[in-house]
Amino acid sequence: MEQKKYFISVGEPWDFNSPDGENIINGIIIKIISATCLIFKANYLLDFGGVLGNIFILYPRYTEDNFIELKNGVEYVAINGNLLVGDFDENENEEVLKEKSKFVLAGTIRT
């Protein structure tokens, strides 16, 4: 699953643009930490109000959703997305990653 290409469809901010176009961030899933925490790496660096990076810590937007569903073939999961501030360490847990990141977007993650 780690090498399968995914994309984030950005709903907020509503005027978001990336190198791939309006409201799209292409990349890959690096790791599913838990049913409610996923690490996504964009194909490029992005700037959200002065916060620059390409590693996103994603959380399901709705309590009934989870990231295990992506493994099981669900088309998309609604997400809240935090941009990691600083270096990524694959061994850090969900709590540490949340503390090291800033909320920047809402949308969906899709195959």
C-alpha atoms as a PDB file:
ATOM      1  CA  MET A   1       0.000   0.000   0.000  1.00  0.00           C
ATOM      2  CA  GLU A   2       2.874   2.396   0.696  1.00  0.00           C
ATOM      3  CA  GLN A   3       3.719   2.831  -2.998  1.00  0.00           C
ATOM      4  CA  LYS A   4       0.183   3.267  -4.316  1.00  0.00           C
ATOM      5  CA  LYS A   5      -0.505   6.823  -5.474  1.00  0.00           C
ATOM      6  CA  TYR A   6      -3.158   8.827  -3.662  1.00  0.00           C
ATOM      7  CA  PHE A   7      -4.326  12.405  -3.770  1.00  0.00           C
ATOM      8  CA  ILE A   8      -5.895  14.856  -1.390  1.00  0.00           C
ATOM      9  CA  SER A   9      -8.867  16.752  -2.741  1.00  0.00           C
ATOM     10  CA  VAL A  10      -8.747  20.039  -0.799  1.00  0.00           C
ATOM     11  CA  GLY A  11     -12.072  21.581   0.273  1.00  0.00           C
ATOM     12  CA  GLU A  12     -10.629  24.220   2.613  1.00  0.00           C
ATOM     13  CA  PRO A  13      -8.913  26.498   1.985  1.00  0.00           C
ATOM     14  CA  TRP A  14     -11.342  26.951  -0.895  1.00  0.00           C
ATOM     15  CA  ASP A  15      -8.835  28.827  -3.083  1.00  0.00           C
ATOM     16  CA  PHE A  16      -6.009  26.277  -2.781  1.00  0.00           C
ATOM     17  CA  ASN A  17      -3.687  25.693  -5.761  1.00  0.00           C
ATOM     18  CA  SER A  18      -0.766  23.284  -6.151  1.00  0.00           C
ATOM     19  CA  PRO A  19       1.571  22.315  -9.010  1.00  0.00           C
ATOM     20  CA  ASP A  20      -1.105  19.732  -9.954  1.00  0.00           C
ATOM     21  CA  GLY A  21      -3.912  22.300 -10.173  1.00  0.00           C
ATOM     22  CA  GLU A  22      -6.818  23.606  -8.144  1.00  0.00           C
ATOM     23  CA  ASN A  23      -7.618  21.726  -4.923  1.00  0.00           C
ATOM     24  CA  ILE A  24      -5.315  18.741  -5.643  1.00  0.00           C
ATOM     25  CA  ILE A  25      -2.278  17.394  -3.766  1.00  0.00           C
ATOM     26  CA  ASN A  26      -0.719  14.263  -5.291  1.00  0.00           C
ATOM     27  CA  GLY A  27       1.473  11.946  -3.258  1.00  0.00           C
ATOM     28  CA  ILE A  28       1.767   8.643  -1.443  1.00  0.00           C
ATOM     29  CA  ILE A  29       0.818   7.202   1.918  1.00  0.00           C
ATOM     30  CA  ILE A  30       3.991   6.675   3.902  1.00  0.00           C
ATOM     31  CA  LYS A  31       2.402   4.944   6.859  1.00  0.00           C
ATOM     32  CA  ILE A  32      -0.937   4.288   8.516  1.00  0.00           C
ATOM     33  CA  ILE A  33      -0.146   4.886  12.203  1.00  0.00           C
ATOM     34  CA  SER A  34      -3.626   3.849  13.357  1.00  0.00           C
ATOM     35  CA  ALA A  35      -7.205   3.746  12.119  1.00  0.00           C
ATOM     36  CA  THR A  36      -7.331   7.487  12.884  1.00  0.00           C
ATOM     37  CA  CYS A  37      -3.851   8.715  11.879  1.00  0.00           C
ATOM     38  CA  LEU A  38      -2.149   8.515   8.495  1.00  0.00           C
ATOM     39  CA  ILE A  39       1.127   9.973   7.162  1.00  0.00           C
ATOM     40  CA  PHE A  40       0.890  11.349   3.602  1.00  0.00           C
ATOM     41  CA  LYS A  41       3.843  12.686   1.596  1.00  0.00           C
ATOM     42  CA  ALA A  42       3.088  15.189  -1.168  1.00  0.00           C
ATOM     43  CA  ASN A  43       5.150  15.092  -4.360  1.00  0.00           C
ATOM     44  CA  TYR A  44       6.302  18.677  -3.715  1.00  0.00           C
ATOM     45  CA  LEU A  45       6.744  21.269  -0.978  1.00  0.00           C
ATOM     46  CA  LEU A  46       3.694  23.365  -0.157  1.00  0.00           C
ATOM     47  CA  ASP A  47       3.327  26.664   1.675  1.00  0.00           C
ATOM     48  CA  PHE A  48       0.364  27.238   3.988  1.00  0.00           C
ATOM     49  CA  GLY A  49       0.658  30.738   5.419  1.00  0.00           C
ATOM     50  CA  GLY A  50       4.399  30.519   5.902  1.00  0.00           C
ATOM     51  CA  VAL A  51       4.411  26.876   7.051  1.00  0.00           C
ATOM     52  CA  LEU A  52       6.371  24.966   4.394  1.00  0.00           C
ATOM     53  CA  GLY A  53       6.474  21.193   4.008  1.00  0.00           C
ATOM     54  CA  ASN A  54       5.359  18.064   2.210  1.00  0.00           C
ATOM     55  CA  ILE A  55       4.499  15.690   5.071  1.00  0.00           C
ATOM     56  CA  PHE A  56       0.869  15.706   6.203  1.00  0.00           C
ATOM     57  CA  ILE A  57      -0.576  14.100   9.329  1.00  0.00           C
ATOM     58  CA  LEU A  58      -4.154  13.211   8.403  1.00  0.00           C
ATOM     59  CA  TYR A  59      -7.116  12.444  10.662  1.00  0.00           C
ATOM     60  CA  PRO A  60     -10.633  11.323   9.680  1.00  0.00           C
ATOM     61  CA  ARG A  61     -13.011  14.276   9.654  1.00  0.00           C
ATOM     62  CA  TYR A  62     -15.937  12.173  10.874  1.00  0.00           C
ATOM     63  CA  THR A  63     -15.916   9.739  13.797  1.00  0.00           C
ATOM     64  CA  GLU A  64     -17.457   6.928  11.724  1.00  0.00           C
ATOM     65  CA  ASP A  65     -14.576   7.010   9.185  1.00  0.00           C
ATOM     66  CA  ASN A  66     -11.163   5.399   9.498  1.00  0.00           C
ATOM     67  CA  PHE A  67      -8.096   4.782   7.351  1.00  0.00           C
ATOM     68  CA  ILE A  68      -8.321   0.995   7.479  1.00  0.00           C
ATOM     69  CA  GLU A  69     -11.201   1.479   5.014  1.00  0.00           C
ATOM     70  CA  LEU A  70      -8.652   2.681   2.412  1.00  0.00           C
ATOM     71  CA  LYS A  71      -6.942  -0.713   2.598  1.00  0.00           C
ATOM     72  CA  ASN A  72     -10.315  -2.382   2.159  1.00  0.00           C
ATOM     73  CA  GLY A  73     -11.141  -0.543  -1.067  1.00  0.00           C
ATOM     74  CA  VAL A  74     -13.288   2.401   0.045  1.00  0.00           C
ATOM     75  CA  GLU A  75     -13.005   5.202  -2.555  1.00  0.00           C
ATOM     76  CA  TYR A  76     -12.221   8.067  -0.162  1.00  0.00           C
ATOM     77  CA  VAL A  77     -12.091   9.202   3.466  1.00  0.00           C
ATOM     78  CA  ALA A  78     -12.951  12.765   4.569  1.00  0.00           C
ATOM     79  CA  ILE A  79      -9.960  14.246   6.397  1.00  0.00           C
ATOM     80  CA  ASN A  80      -8.554  17.057   8.473  1.00  0.00           C
ATOM     81  CA  GLY A  81      -4.953  17.667   7.482  1.00  0.00           C
ATOM     82  CA  ASN A  82      -2.036  18.938   9.536  1.00  0.00           C
ATOM     83  CA  LEU A  83       1.273  19.912   7.953  1.00  0.00           C
ATOM     84  CA  LEU A  84       4.315  18.596   9.814  1.00  0.00           C
ATOM     85  CA  VAL A  85       6.572  21.360  11.098  1.00  0.00           C
ATOM     86  CA  GLY A  86      10.142  20.094  11.268  1.00  0.00           C
ATOM     87  CA  ASP A  87      11.673  16.751  10.434  1.00  0.00           C
ATOM     88  CA  PHE A  88       9.719  13.524  10.028  1.00  0.00           C
ATOM     89  CA  ASP A  89      10.694  10.568  12.201  1.00  0.00           C
ATOM     90  CA  GLU A  90       8.866   7.373  11.223  1.00  0.00           C
ATOM     91  CA  ASN A  91       9.142   6.074  14.800  1.00  0.00           C
ATOM     92  CA  GLU A  92       7.194   8.950  16.387  1.00  0.00           C
ATOM     93  CA  ASN A  93       3.734   8.175  17.689  1.00  0.00           C
ATOM     94  CA  GLU A  94       0.447   9.862  16.843  1.00  0.00           C
ATOM     95  CA  GLU A  95       0.534  12.188  19.852  1.00  0.00           C
ATOM     96  CA  VAL A  96       4.044  13.509  19.058  1.00  0.00           C
ATOM     97  CA  LEU A  97       3.197  13.964  15.365  1.00  0.00           C
ATOM     98  CA  LYS A  98       0.078  15.933  16.268  1.00  0.00           C
ATOM     99  CA  GLU A  99       2.113  18.208  18.549  1.00  0.00           C
ATOM    100  CA  LYS A 100       4.689  18.783  15.769  1.00  0.00           C
ATOM    101  CA  SER A 101       2.102  19.735  13.138  1.00  0.00           C
ATOM    102  CA  LYS A 102      -0.296  22.549  12.288  1.00  0.00           C
ATOM    103  CA  PHE A 103      -3.846  22.250  10.950  1.00  0.00           C
ATOM    104  CA  VAL A 104      -3.891  23.540   7.347  1.00  0.00           C
ATOM    105  CA  LEU A 105      -6.677  21.854   5.349  1.00  0.00           C
ATOM    106  CA  ALA A 106      -9.880  19.862   5.163  1.00  0.00           C
ATOM    107  CA  GLY A 107     -10.863  17.610   2.299  1.00  0.00           C
ATOM    108  CA  THR A 108     -10.705  13.954   1.269  1.00  0.00           C
ATOM    109  CA  ILE A 109      -7.971  11.422   0.547  1.00  0.00           C
ATOM    110  CA  ARG A 110      -8.635   9.300  -2.555  1.00  0.00           C
ATOM    111  CA  THR A 111      -7.031   6.655  -4.735  1.00  0.00           C
END
